[in-house]
Protein backbone atom coordinates (compact mmCIF):
# COMPACT_ATOMS: atom_id res chain seq x y z
CA MET A 1 -0.08 -0.82 22.60
CA LYS A 2 0.95 -2.38 19.30
CA LEU A 3 2.16 -5.90 19.52
CA LYS A 4 5.26 -6.88 17.51
CA MET A 5 6.28 -10.43 16.63
CA ALA A 6 9.77 -11.50 17.69
CA PRO A 7 11.92 -11.66 14.58
CA ASN A 8 13.16 -15.25 15.29
CA SER A 9 9.94 -16.78 16.55
CA GLY A 10 8.58 -19.79 14.69
CA PHE A 11 5.79 -17.89 13.11
CA ALA A 12 8.14 -15.05 11.93
CA ILE A 13 10.48 -17.63 10.41
CA LEU A 14 7.53 -19.29 8.65
CA LEU A 15 6.40 -15.91 7.31
CA ARG A 16 9.79 -15.44 5.74
CA SER A 17 9.92 -18.94 4.31
CA PRO A 18 8.24 -20.16 1.10
CA TRP A 19 4.50 -20.51 1.66
CA TRP A 20 4.45 -24.27 1.08
CA VAL A 21 6.64 -24.93 4.13
CA SER A 22 3.85 -23.87 6.48
CA PHE A 23 1.36 -26.13 4.67
CA ALA A 24 3.80 -29.05 4.78
CA ILE A 25 4.28 -28.62 8.53
CA ALA A 26 0.53 -28.30 9.13
CA ALA A 27 -0.07 -31.50 7.08
CA ALA A 28 2.61 -33.33 8.96
CA ILE A 29 0.96 -32.31 12.33
CA VAL A 30 -2.42 -33.61 11.13
CA LEU A 31 -0.98 -36.85 9.86
CA ALA A 32 0.99 -37.35 13.10
CA CYS A 33 -2.10 -36.75 15.16
CA GLY A 34 -4.02 -39.25 13.07
CA ALA A 35 -1.39 -41.88 13.25
CA LEU A 36 -0.32 -41.54 16.89
CA LEU A 37 -3.43 -40.58 18.83
CA PRO A 38 -6.67 -42.48 19.45
CA ALA A 39 -9.40 -41.73 16.82
CA HIS A 40 -11.68 -39.81 19.20
CA ILE A 41 -8.81 -37.44 20.19
CA ALA A 42 -6.96 -36.97 16.90
CA PRO A 43 -9.30 -34.33 15.40
CA PHE A 44 -9.04 -32.16 18.38
CA ALA A 45 -5.29 -32.31 18.51
CA ALA A 46 -5.03 -31.70 14.75
CA VAL A 47 -6.64 -28.32 15.28
CA GLY A 48 -3.24 -27.25 16.49
CA ALA A 49 -2.21 -27.16 12.87
CA VAL A 50 -4.65 -24.33 12.09
CA PRO A 51 -2.44 -21.43 13.19
CA ILE A 52 0.41 -22.77 11.04
CA ALA A 53 -1.97 -23.05 8.00
CA VAL A 54 -3.08 -19.50 8.64
CA VAL A 55 0.57 -18.41 8.63
CA GLY A 56 0.94 -20.30 5.34
CA CYS A 57 -1.96 -18.41 3.83
CA ILE A 58 -0.46 -15.07 4.89
CA ALA A 59 2.97 -16.01 3.48
CA ALA A 60 1.34 -17.10 0.22
CA TRP A 61 -0.56 -13.82 -0.03
CA ARG A 62 2.57 -11.81 0.69
CA GLN A 63 4.73 -13.77 -1.82
CA TRP A 64 2.03 -13.59 -4.45
CA ARG A 65 1.97 -9.84 -4.16
CA ALA A 66 5.78 -9.42 -4.02
CA PRO A 67 7.44 -8.19 -7.24
CA GLY A 68 9.34 -10.71 -9.34
CA ALA A 69 13.04 -10.84 -9.59
CA ALA A 70 13.05 -9.09 -13.01
CA ARG A 71 10.99 -6.21 -11.70
CA VAL A 72 13.24 -5.92 -8.65
CA GLN A 73 16.38 -5.83 -10.77
CA ALA A 74 14.83 -3.29 -13.17
CA ALA A 75 13.81 -1.03 -10.30
CA LEU A 76 17.31 -1.13 -8.79
CA GLN A 77 18.91 -0.44 -12.19
CA ALA A 78 16.62 2.52 -12.79
CA ALA A 79 17.37 3.88 -9.33
CA GLY A 80 21.03 3.60 -10.07
CA ALA A 81 20.68 5.73 -13.19
CA MET A 82 18.68 8.47 -11.45
CA PRO A 83 20.22 11.77 -10.39
CA TRP A 84 19.83 12.60 -6.66
CA ARG A 85 16.83 14.86 -7.01
CA GLU A 86 14.82 12.25 -8.99
CA PHE A 87 15.81 9.49 -6.51
CA ALA A 88 14.73 11.61 -3.59
CA ASP A 89 11.44 12.44 -5.32
CA SER A 90 10.85 8.71 -5.83
CA LEU A 91 11.46 7.98 -2.15
CA GLU A 92 9.15 10.77 -1.18
CA ARG A 93 6.33 9.53 -3.45
CA ALA A 94 6.74 5.97 -2.16
CA TRP A 95 6.52 6.99 1.53
CA ARG A 96 3.60 9.33 0.79
CA ALA A 97 1.82 6.39 -0.92
CA GLU A 98 2.12 4.64 2.47
CA GLY A 99 0.35 7.54 4.15
CA GLN A 100 3.48 9.18 5.70
CA GLN A 101 4.42 12.86 5.73
CA VAL A 102 7.84 13.51 4.16
CA GLN A 103 10.02 16.60 4.45
CA ARG A 104 13.46 17.28 3.10
CA THR A 105 16.17 18.09 5.69
CA ASP A 106 19.40 20.05 5.44
CA GLY A 107 21.25 16.97 3.97
CA ARG A 108 24.19 16.97 6.42
CA SER A 109 23.30 13.92 8.52
CA SER A 110 19.96 13.06 7.02
CA ASP A 111 18.11 13.85 3.83
CA LEU A 112 14.43 13.11 4.62
CA ARG A 113 12.26 13.32 7.78
CA ILE A 114 9.30 10.88 7.71
CA THR A 115 6.40 11.43 10.11
CA LYS A 116 3.39 9.25 10.78
CA ASP A 117 1.23 9.17 13.90
CA GLY A 118 3.52 11.63 15.61
CA LYS A 119 6.59 9.42 15.23
CA THR A 120 9.56 10.63 13.27
CA VAL A 121 12.09 8.66 11.27
CA LEU A 122 15.22 10.23 9.72
CA VAL A 123 16.47 8.91 6.37
CA ALA A 124 20.05 9.22 4.99
CA ALA A 125 19.84 8.47 1.25
CA ARG A 126 22.17 10.81 -0.54
CA ARG A 127 25.01 8.17 -0.70
CA TRP A 128 22.68 5.52 -2.23
CA LYS A 129 25.10 4.89 -5.16
CA ALA A 130 28.28 4.64 -3.10
CA ALA A 131 30.56 1.69 -4.00
CA SER A 132 31.02 0.86 -0.33
CA HIS A 133 29.21 1.90 2.78
CA GLY A 134 31.13 2.23 6.02
CA VAL A 135 30.31 3.23 9.58
CA GLU A 136 30.88 7.01 9.39
CA PRO A 137 27.59 7.97 7.63
CA LEU A 138 25.75 5.68 9.98
CA ARG A 139 27.34 7.41 12.94
CA GLU A 140 26.24 10.80 11.59
CA LEU A 141 22.66 9.52 11.05
CA GLN A 142 22.61 8.04 14.56
CA ALA A 143 23.80 11.37 15.99
CA ALA A 144 20.96 13.19 14.14
CA VAL A 145 18.41 10.67 15.39
CA GLN A 146 19.50 11.31 19.00
CA ARG A 147 19.73 15.06 18.46
CA GLU A 148 16.23 15.37 17.02
CA GLY A 149 14.66 12.73 19.30
CA ALA A 150 13.57 10.61 16.26
CA ARG A 151 12.22 7.16 16.74
CA ALA A 152 14.65 5.57 14.29
CA GLY A 153 17.00 6.12 11.37
CA VAL A 154 16.96 4.55 7.92
CA TYR A 155 20.13 4.33 5.74
CA VAL A 156 19.55 3.73 2.00
CA ALA A 157 22.13 1.76 0.01
CA LEU A 158 21.53 0.79 -3.61
CA SER A 159 24.72 -0.84 -4.73
CA GLY A 160 28.08 -1.80 -3.52
CA THR A 161 28.56 -3.42 -0.11
CA VAL A 162 27.66 -2.39 3.37
CA SER A 163 30.72 -3.37 5.48
CA GLU A 164 30.25 -5.81 8.33
CA ASN A 165 31.25 -3.08 10.79
CA ALA A 166 28.52 -0.84 9.35
CA ARG A 167 25.95 -3.62 9.61
CA GLY A 168 26.95 -4.27 13.21
CA PHE A 169 26.79 -0.55 14.05
CA ALA A 170 23.34 -0.27 12.44
CA ARG A 171 22.04 -3.33 14.35
CA ASP A 172 23.49 -2.22 17.64
CA ASN A 173 21.99 1.28 17.31
CA GLY A 174 18.58 0.42 15.92
CA LEU A 175 19.23 1.81 12.41
CA VAL A 176 17.49 0.21 9.44
CA LEU A 177 19.51 -0.56 6.28
CA LEU A 178 17.15 -0.13 3.32
CA GLU A 179 18.75 -2.03 0.42
CA GLY A 180 18.12 -4.65 -2.18
CA ASP A 181 14.63 -6.14 -2.52
CA ALA A 182 13.20 -3.92 0.24
CA LEU A 183 14.41 -0.79 -1.52
CA ALA A 184 13.15 -1.99 -4.90
CA ALA A 185 9.73 -2.83 -3.42
CA LEU A 186 9.57 0.78 -1.94
CA LEU A 187 10.58 2.29 -5.22
CA LEU A 188 8.02 0.21 -7.14
CA LYS A 189 5.27 1.75 -4.93
CA ALA A 190 6.38 5.16 -6.16
CA GLY A 191 6.25 4.03 -9.78
CA ALA A 192 2.84 2.40 -9.32
CA LYS A 193 1.52 5.68 -7.83
CA ASP A 194 2.70 7.55 -10.93
CA ALA A 195 1.10 5.24 -13.40
């Protein structure tokens, strides 16, 4: 059984926050323990700050490895200039670099099928350049996910806006919207593999 952290738990929020926030909280706990508790108990209570400091280390490592804003913007602009075949090839290379098997599909409801450890995810990416993204393509993807018994669906959106209705539909049906920084990070993996 694989454990998954709740998305709004304290640790999950700290992992998404700047790394120094965790260290500031850990330091505050240590200082509070030293100021408020007897000297013989304070060091033992201050050990409670260790998990928060560890989360700070993980957040720092992730943020150090994350691409900078200029690289993210360049990757998104390059993707916007690509024709469909080249964009699909980049997505395939990136997911293969993560150790997943990738197949092209018929392109009606989904474009790619990703498989890893016997679990399948369908990807709808052909409308990645659309000026606006509504609910209808997400409905088609959800229907394909149910029809094929896939674990999840991923909808790729490069530019424009995903409507609030579409975001709500994706959230309610367990679909992932791959856009912005997350899409750029994925595409940068494909570029790094080529180099």
